[in-house]
Amino acid sequence: VFDGRELRAPDTVVIDGDRIGTDPSGAREIDG
């Protein structure tokens, strides 16, 4: 994730409707 200042290390980003978070429980996973 590029947050506007730095490029972060590989991680998981969860999209839940109009919310973005980090808890992947119950989510469909896609390898980026």
PDB file of all heavy atoms in Angstrom:
ATOM      1  N   VAL A   1       0.850  -1.188   0.000  1.00  0.00           N
ATOM      2  CA  VAL A   1       0.000   0.000   0.000  1.00  0.00           C
ATOM      3  C   VAL A   1       0.884   1.237   0.000  1.00  0.00           C
ATOM      4  O   VAL A   1       1.779   1.377   0.838  1.00  0.00           O
ATOM      5  CB  VAL A   1      -0.934   0.020   1.236  1.00  0.00           C
ATOM      6  CG1 VAL A   1      -1.745   1.313   1.281  1.00  0.00           C
ATOM      7  CG2 VAL A   1      -1.860  -1.188   1.216  1.00  0.00           C
ATOM      8  N   PHE A   2       0.624   2.129  -0.958  1.00  0.00           N
ATOM      9  CA  PHE A   2       1.279   3.437  -0.952  1.00  0.00           C
ATOM     10  C   PHE A   2       0.317   4.380  -0.262  1.00  0.00           C
ATOM     11  O   PHE A   2      -0.800   4.605  -0.722  1.00  0.00           O
ATOM     12  CB  PHE A   2       1.585   3.918  -2.368  1.00  0.00           C
ATOM     13  CG  PHE A   2       2.240   5.269  -2.382  1.00  0.00           C
ATOM     14  CD1 PHE A   2       3.534   5.416  -1.934  1.00  0.00           C
ATOM     15  CD2 PHE A   2       1.542   6.380  -2.804  1.00  0.00           C
ATOM     16  CE1 PHE A   2       4.143   6.662  -1.917  1.00  0.00           C
ATOM     17  CE2 PHE A   2       2.138   7.635  -2.799  1.00  0.00           C
ATOM     18  CZ  PHE A   2       3.441   7.775  -2.356  1.00  0.00           C
ATOM     19  N   ASP A   3       0.717   4.921   0.892  1.00  0.00           N
ATOM     20  CA  ASP A   3      -0.179   5.741   1.710  1.00  0.00           C
ATOM     21  C   ASP A   3      -0.042   7.242   1.455  1.00  0.00           C
ATOM     22  O   ASP A   3      -0.559   8.055   2.203  1.00  0.00           O
ATOM     23  CB  ASP A   3       0.018   5.432   3.194  1.00  0.00           C
ATOM     24  CG  ASP A   3       1.397   5.831   3.708  1.00  0.00           C
ATOM     25  OD1 ASP A   3       2.180   6.471   2.963  1.00  0.00           O
ATOM     26  OD2 ASP A   3       1.698   5.503   4.867  1.00  0.00           O
ATOM     27  N   GLY A   4       0.642   7.603   0.389  1.00  0.00           N
ATOM     28  CA  GLY A   4       0.849   9.014   0.085  1.00  0.00           C
ATOM     29  C   GLY A   4       2.219   9.499   0.499  1.00  0.00           C
ATOM     30  O   GLY A   4       2.678  10.538   0.045  1.00  0.00           O
ATOM     31  N   ARG A   5       2.884   8.721   1.343  1.00  0.00           N
ATOM     32  CA  ARG A   5       4.230   9.081   1.812  1.00  0.00           C
ATOM     33  C   ARG A   5       5.236   7.965   1.577  1.00  0.00           C
ATOM     34  O   ARG A   5       6.370   8.211   1.222  1.00  0.00           O
ATOM     35  CB  ARG A   5       4.219   9.415   3.297  1.00  0.00           C
ATOM     36  CG  ARG A   5       3.519  10.691   3.603  1.00  0.00           C
ATOM     37  CD  ARG A   5       3.638  10.996   5.058  1.00  0.00           C
ATOM     38  NE  ARG A   5       2.297  11.401   5.490  1.00  0.00           N
ATOM     39  CZ  ARG A   5       1.969  11.633   6.706  1.00  0.00           C
ATOM     40  NH1 ARG A   5       2.842  11.492   7.660  1.00  0.00           N
ATOM     41  NH2 ARG A   5       0.753  12.003   7.007  1.00  0.00           N
ATOM     42  N   GLU A   6       4.808   6.728   1.833  1.00  0.00           N
ATOM     43  CA  GLU A   6       5.732   5.606   1.704  1.00  0.00           C
ATOM     44  C   GLU A   6       5.033   4.370   1.153  1.00  0.00           C
ATOM     45  O   GLU A   6       3.817   4.240   1.237  1.00  0.00           O
ATOM     46  CB  GLU A   6       6.369   5.278   3.048  1.00  0.00           C
ATOM     47  CG  GLU A   6       5.382   4.778   4.088  1.00  0.00           C
ATOM     48  CD  GLU A   6       6.028   4.495   5.440  1.00  0.00           C
ATOM     49  OE1 GLU A   6       7.257   4.583   5.549  1.00  0.00           O
ATOM     50  OE2 GLU A   6       5.289   4.187   6.375  1.00  0.00           O
ATOM     51  N   LEU A   7       5.835   3.485   0.594  1.00  0.00           N
ATOM     52  CA  LEU A   7       5.338   2.213   0.094  1.00  0.00           C
ATOM     53  C   LEU A   7       5.557   1.188   1.201  1.00  0.00           C
ATOM     54  O   LEU A   7       6.683   0.944   1.618  1.00  0.00           O
ATOM     55  CB  LEU A   7       6.102   1.814  -1.173  1.00  0.00           C
ATOM     56  CG  LEU A   7       5.629   0.562  -1.884  1.00  0.00           C
ATOM     57  CD1 LEU A   7       4.188   0.714  -2.344  1.00  0.00           C
ATOM     58  CD2 LEU A   7       6.526   0.290  -3.078  1.00  0.00           C
ATOM     59  N   ARG A   8       4.481   0.625   1.694  1.00  0.00           N
ATOM     60  CA  ARG A   8       4.557  -0.304   2.825  1.00  0.00           C
ATOM     61  C   ARG A   8       4.889  -1.716   2.373  1.00  0.00           C
ATOM     62  O   ARG A   8       4.685  -2.071   1.221  1.00  0.00           O
ATOM     63  CB  ARG A   8       3.244  -0.285   3.581  1.00  0.00           C
ATOM     64  CG  ARG A   8       2.979   1.084   4.179  1.00  0.00           C
ATOM     65  CD  ARG A   8       1.660   1.098   4.896  1.00  0.00           C
ATOM     66  NE  ARG A   8       1.424   2.427   5.403  1.00  0.00           N
ATOM     67  CZ  ARG A   8       1.163   2.695   6.662  1.00  0.00           C
ATOM     68  NH1 ARG A   8       1.085   1.734   7.546  1.00  0.00           N
ATOM     69  NH2 ARG A   8       0.965   3.932   7.053  1.00  0.00           N
ATOM     70  N   ALA A   9       5.342  -2.520   3.319  1.00  0.00           N
ATOM     71  CA  ALA A   9       5.671  -3.922   3.052  1.00  0.00           C
ATOM     72  C   ALA A   9       4.389  -4.686   2.693  1.00  0.00           C
ATOM     73  O   ALA A   9       3.291  -4.281   3.080  1.00  0.00           O
ATOM     74  CB  ALA A   9       6.312  -4.550   4.288  1.00  0.00           C
ATOM     75  N   PRO A  10       4.518  -5.804   1.958  1.00  0.00           N
ATOM     76  CA  PRO A  10       3.328  -6.587   1.604  1.00  0.00           C
ATOM     77  C   PRO A  10       2.514  -6.960   2.839  1.00  0.00           C
ATOM     78  O   PRO A  10       3.061  -7.322   3.875  1.00  0.00           O
ATOM     79  CB  PRO A  10       3.913  -7.827   0.927  1.00  0.00           C
ATOM     80  CG  PRO A  10       5.207  -7.355   0.364  1.00  0.00           C
ATOM     81  CD  PRO A  10       5.735  -6.376   1.383  1.00  0.00           C
ATOM     82  N   ASP A  11       1.196  -6.856   2.695  1.00  0.00           N
ATOM     83  CA  ASP A  11       0.278  -7.086   3.809  1.00  0.00           C
ATOM     84  C   ASP A  11      -1.078  -7.488   3.242  1.00  0.00           C
ATOM     85  O   ASP A  11      -1.208  -7.704   2.038  1.00  0.00           O
ATOM     86  CB  ASP A  11       0.151  -5.802   4.637  1.00  0.00           C
ATOM     87  CG  ASP A  11      -0.295  -6.058   6.070  1.00  0.00           C
ATOM     88  OD1 ASP A  11      -0.629  -7.212   6.408  1.00  0.00           O
ATOM     89  OD2 ASP A  11      -0.320  -5.092   6.853  1.00  0.00           O
ATOM     90  N   THR A  12      -2.089  -7.553   4.096  1.00  0.00           N
ATOM     91  CA  THR A  12      -3.452  -7.884   3.683  1.00  0.00           C
ATOM     92  C   THR A  12      -4.342  -6.672   3.890  1.00  0.00           C
ATOM     93  O   THR A  12      -4.295  -6.024   4.932  1.00  0.00           O
ATOM     94  CB  THR A  12      -3.999  -9.072   4.499  1.00  0.00           C
ATOM     95  OG1 THR A  12      -3.187 -10.213   4.239  1.00  0.00           O
ATOM     96  CG2 THR A  12      -5.436  -9.387   4.134  1.00  0.00           C
ATOM     97  N   VAL A  13      -5.170  -6.373   2.885  1.00  0.00           N
ATOM     98  CA  VAL A  13      -6.142  -5.288   2.956  1.00  0.00           C
ATOM     99  C   VAL A  13      -7.513  -5.916   2.729  1.00  0.00           C
ATOM    100  O   VAL A  13      -7.708  -6.662   1.778  1.00  0.00           O
ATOM    101  CB  VAL A  13      -5.863  -4.207   1.898  1.00  0.00           C
ATOM    102  CG1 VAL A  13      -6.962  -3.169   1.878  1.00  0.00           C
ATOM    103  CG2 VAL A  13      -4.513  -3.563   2.143  1.00  0.00           C
ATOM    104  N   VAL A  14      -8.463  -5.614   3.619  1.00  0.00           N
ATOM    105  CA  VAL A  14      -9.809  -6.177   3.526  1.00  0.00           C
ATOM    106  C   VAL A  14     -10.784  -5.087   3.100  1.00  0.00           C
ATOM    107  O   VAL A  14     -10.817  -4.006   3.685  1.00  0.00           O
ATOM    108  CB  VAL A  14     -10.246  -6.797   4.865  1.00  0.00           C
ATOM    109  CG1 VAL A  14     -11.672  -7.333   4.775  1.00  0.00           C
ATOM    110  CG2 VAL A  14      -9.280  -7.895   5.281  1.00  0.00           C
ATOM    111  N   ILE A  15     -11.589  -5.401   2.074  1.00  0.00           N
ATOM    112  CA  ILE A  15     -12.618  -4.486   1.591  1.00  0.00           C
ATOM    113  C   ILE A  15     -13.962  -5.091   1.989  1.00  0.00           C
ATOM    114  O   ILE A  15     -14.282  -6.213   1.611  1.00  0.00           O
ATOM    115  CB  ILE A  15     -12.526  -4.308   0.072  1.00  0.00           C
ATOM    116  CG1 ILE A  15     -11.141  -3.789  -0.297  1.00  0.00           C
ATOM    117  CG2 ILE A  15     -13.632  -3.378  -0.419  1.00  0.00           C
ATOM    118  CD1 ILE A  15     -10.824  -3.873  -1.756  1.00  0.00           C
ATOM    119  N   ASP A  16     -14.720  -4.339   2.763  1.00  0.00           N
ATOM    120  CA  ASP A  16     -16.026  -4.795   3.246  1.00  0.00           C
ATOM    121  C   ASP A  16     -17.037  -3.700   2.933  1.00  0.00           C
ATOM    122  O   ASP A  16     -17.224  -2.766   3.721  1.00  0.00           O
ATOM    123  CB  ASP A  16     -15.950  -5.071   4.745  1.00  0.00           C
ATOM    124  CG  ASP A  16     -17.230  -5.678   5.305  1.00  0.00           C
ATOM    125  OD1 ASP A  16     -18.155  -5.959   4.528  1.00  0.00           O
ATOM    126  OD2 ASP A  16     -17.284  -5.867   6.528  1.00  0.00           O
ATOM    127  N   GLY A  17     -17.657  -3.784   1.755  1.00  0.00           N
ATOM    128  CA  GLY A  17     -18.574  -2.731   1.330  1.00  0.00           C
ATOM    129  C   GLY A  17     -17.805  -1.442   1.128  1.00  0.00           C
ATOM    130  O   GLY A  17     -16.888  -1.387   0.328  1.00  0.00           O
ATOM    131  N   ASP A  18     -18.154  -0.411   1.897  1.00  0.00           N
ATOM    132  CA  ASP A  18     -17.471   0.876   1.775  1.00  0.00           C
ATOM    133  C   ASP A  18     -16.404   1.069   2.857  1.00  0.00           C
ATOM    134  O   ASP A  18     -15.920   2.171   3.067  1.00  0.00           O
ATOM    135  CB  ASP A  18     -18.485   2.018   1.812  1.00  0.00           C
ATOM    136  CG  ASP A  18     -19.251   2.090   3.129  1.00  0.00           C
ATOM    137  OD1 ASP A  18     -19.113   1.169   3.963  1.00  0.00           O
ATOM    138  OD2 ASP A  18     -20.009   3.056   3.321  1.00  0.00           O
ATOM    139  N   ARG A  19     -16.013  -0.007   3.509  1.00  0.00           N
ATOM    140  CA  ARG A  19     -15.004   0.055   4.581  1.00  0.00           C
ATOM    141  C   ARG A  19     -13.751  -0.711   4.176  1.00  0.00           C
ATOM    142  O   ARG A  19     -13.822  -1.731   3.497  1.00  0.00           O
ATOM    143  CB  ARG A  19     -15.556  -0.538   5.863  1.00  0.00           C
ATOM    144  CG  ARG A  19     -16.853   0.091   6.293  1.00  0.00           C
ATOM    145  CD  ARG A  19     -16.773   0.522   7.716  1.00  0.00           C
ATOM    146  NE  ARG A  19     -18.040   1.054   8.155  1.00  0.00           N
ATOM    147  CZ  ARG A  19     -18.213   2.328   8.409  1.00  0.00           C
ATOM    148  NH1 ARG A  19     -17.231   3.169   8.279  1.00  0.00           N
ATOM    149  NH2 ARG A  19     -19.386   2.768   8.815  1.00  0.00           N
ATOM    150  N   ILE A  20     -12.614  -0.229   4.642  1.00  0.00           N
ATOM    151  CA  ILE A  20     -11.338  -0.895   4.408  1.00  0.00           C
ATOM    152  C   ILE A  20     -10.742  -1.214   5.764  1.00  0.00           C
ATOM    153  O   ILE A  20     -10.727  -0.371   6.663  1.00  0.00           O
ATOM    154  CB  ILE A  20     -10.374  -0.002   3.606  1.00  0.00           C
ATOM    155  CG1 ILE A  20     -10.970   0.234   2.222  1.00  0.00           C
ATOM    156  CG2 ILE A  20      -8.998  -0.644   3.498  1.00  0.00           C
ATOM    157  CD1 ILE A  20     -10.184   1.186   1.368  1.00  0.00           C
ATOM    158  N   GLY A  21     -10.263  -2.449   5.929  1.00  0.00           N
ATOM    159  CA  GLY A  21      -9.695  -2.866   7.202  1.00  0.00           C
ATOM    160  C   GLY A  21      -8.619  -3.905   7.013  1.00  0.00           C
ATOM    161  O   GLY A  21      -8.071  -4.068   5.924  1.00  0.00           O
ATOM    162  N   THR A  22      -8.335  -4.646   8.085  1.00  0.00           N
ATOM    163  CA  THR A  22      -7.254  -5.630   8.048  1.00  0.00           C
ATOM    164  C   THR A  22      -7.650  -7.000   8.572  1.00  0.00           C
ATOM    165  O   THR A  22      -6.847  -7.919   8.523  1.00  0.00           O
ATOM    166  CB  THR A  22      -6.043  -5.126   8.871  1.00  0.00           C
ATOM    167  OG1 THR A  22      -6.469  -4.869  10.202  1.00  0.00           O
ATOM    168  CG2 THR A  22      -5.437  -3.877   8.256  1.00  0.00           C
ATOM    169  N   ASP A  23      -8.886  -7.173   9.068  1.00  0.00           N
ATOM    170  CA  ASP A  23      -9.313  -8.461   9.628  1.00  0.00           C
ATOM    171  C   ASP A  23      -9.885  -9.340   8.513  1.00  0.00           C
ATOM    172  O   ASP A  23     -10.999  -9.114   8.054  1.00  0.00           O
ATOM    173  CB  ASP A  23     -10.358  -8.245  10.709  1.00  0.00           C
ATOM    174  CG  ASP A  23     -10.880  -9.555  11.291  1.00  0.00           C
ATOM    175  OD1 ASP A  23     -10.298 -10.624  11.002  1.00  0.00           O
ATOM    176  OD2 ASP A  23     -11.887  -9.503  12.027  1.00  0.00           O
ATOM    177  N   PRO A  24      -9.153 -10.374   8.066  1.00  0.00           N
ATOM    178  CA  PRO A  24      -9.599 -11.190   6.934  1.00  0.00           C
ATOM    179  C   PRO A  24     -10.590 -12.297   7.280  1.00  0.00           C
ATOM    180  O   PRO A  24     -11.011 -13.036   6.386  1.00  0.00           O
ATOM    181  CB  PRO A  24      -8.292 -11.782   6.415  1.00  0.00           C
ATOM    182  CG  PRO A  24      -7.446 -11.921   7.625  1.00  0.00           C
ATOM    183  CD  PRO A  24      -7.795 -10.728   8.491  1.00  0.00           C
ATOM    184  N   SER A  25     -10.997 -12.427   8.548  1.00  0.00           N
ATOM    185  CA  SER A  25     -11.885 -13.532   8.914  1.00  0.00           C
ATOM    186  C   SER A  25     -13.190 -13.479   8.115  1.00  0.00           C
ATOM    187  O   SER A  25     -13.842 -12.449   8.035  1.00  0.00           O
ATOM    188  CB  SER A  25     -12.170 -13.523  10.415  1.00  0.00           C
ATOM    189  OG  SER A  25     -12.785 -12.323  10.797  1.00  0.00           O
ATOM    190  N   GLY A  26     -13.511 -14.603   7.483  1.00  0.00           N
ATOM    191  CA  GLY A  26     -14.736 -14.725   6.707  1.00  0.00           C
ATOM    192  C   GLY A  26     -14.698 -14.092   5.330  1.00  0.00           C
ATOM    193  O   GLY A  26     -15.694 -14.102   4.626  1.00  0.00           O
ATOM    194  N   ALA A  27     -13.568 -13.551   4.943  1.00  0.00           N
ATOM    195  CA  ALA A  27     -13.477 -12.874   3.647  1.00  0.00           C
ATOM    196  C   ALA A  27     -12.979 -13.821   2.564  1.00  0.00           C
ATOM    197  O   ALA A  27     -12.234 -14.756   2.832  1.00  0.00           O
ATOM    198  CB  ALA A  27     -12.525 -11.679   3.745  1.00  0.00           C
ATOM    199  N   ARG A  28     -13.410 -13.556   1.337  1.00  0.00           N
ATOM    200  CA  ARG A  28     -12.882 -14.267   0.172  1.00  0.00           C
ATOM    201  C   ARG A  28     -11.481 -13.701  -0.068  1.00  0.00           C
ATOM    202  O   ARG A  28     -11.298 -12.485  -0.123  1.00  0.00           O
ATOM    203  CB  ARG A  28     -13.778 -13.984  -1.030  1.00  0.00           C
ATOM    204  CG  ARG A  28     -13.268 -14.551  -2.325  1.00  0.00           C
ATOM    205  CD  ARG A  28     -14.224 -14.242  -3.435  1.00  0.00           C
ATOM    206  NE  ARG A  28     -14.389 -12.810  -3.586  1.00  0.00           N
ATOM    207  CZ  ARG A  28     -14.488 -12.183  -4.748  1.00  0.00           C
ATOM    208  NH1 ARG A  28     -14.497 -12.859  -5.855  1.00  0.00           N
ATOM    209  NH2 ARG A  28     -14.628 -10.881  -4.792  1.00  0.00           N
ATOM    210  N   GLU A  29     -10.486 -14.575  -0.201  1.00  0.00           N
ATOM    211  CA  GLU A  29      -9.100 -14.117  -0.352  1.00  0.00           C
ATOM    212  C   GLU A  29      -8.663 -14.115  -1.804  1.00  0.00           C
ATOM    213  O   GLU A  29      -8.940 -15.046  -2.543  1.00  0.00           O
ATOM    214  CB  GLU A  29      -8.156 -14.988   0.462  1.00  0.00           C
ATOM    215  CG  GLU A  29      -8.309 -14.784   1.943  1.00  0.00           C
ATOM    216  CD  GLU A  29      -7.221 -15.468   2.754  1.00  0.00           C
ATOM    217  OE1 GLU A  29      -6.175 -15.841   2.173  1.00  0.00           O
ATOM    218  OE2 GLU A  29      -7.406 -15.617   3.958  1.00  0.00           O
ATOM    219  N   ILE A  30      -7.971 -13.045  -2.184  1.00  0.00           N
ATOM    220  CA  ILE A  30      -7.384 -12.905  -3.518  1.00  0.00           C
ATOM    221  C   ILE A  30      -5.921 -12.549  -3.330  1.00  0.00           C
ATOM    222  O   ILE A  30      -5.604 -11.573  -2.644  1.00  0.00           O
ATOM    223  CB  ILE A  30      -8.096 -11.822  -4.331  1.00  0.00           C
ATOM    224  CG1 ILE A  30      -9.559 -12.182  -4.552  1.00  0.00           C
ATOM    225  CG2 ILE A  30      -7.390 -11.605  -5.666  1.00  0.00           C
ATOM    226  CD1 ILE A  30     -10.375 -11.102  -5.208  1.00  0.00           C
ATOM    227  N   ASP A  31      -5.024 -13.328  -3.921  1.00  0.00           N
ATOM    228  CA  ASP A  31      -3.592 -13.059  -3.833  1.00  0.00           C
ATOM    229  C   ASP A  31      -3.246 -11.916  -4.784  1.00  0.00           C
ATOM    230  O   ASP A  31      -3.425 -12.032  -5.994  1.00  0.00           O
ATOM    231  CB  ASP A  31      -2.788 -14.293  -4.195  1.00  0.00           C
ATOM    232  CG  ASP A  31      -1.281 -14.108  -4.039  1.00  0.00           C
ATOM    233  OD1 ASP A  31      -0.835 -12.982  -3.721  1.00  0.00           O
ATOM    234  OD2 ASP A  31      -0.547 -15.077  -4.242  1.00  0.00           O
ATOM    235  N   GLY A  32      -2.762 -10.826  -4.225  1.00  0.00           N
ATOM    236  CA  GLY A  32      -2.405  -9.645  -5.018  1.00  0.00           C
ATOM    237  C   GLY A  32      -1.066  -9.759  -5.713  1.00  0.00           C
ATOM    238  O   GLY A  32      -0.698  -8.909  -6.509  1.00  0.00           O
TER     239      GLY A  32
END
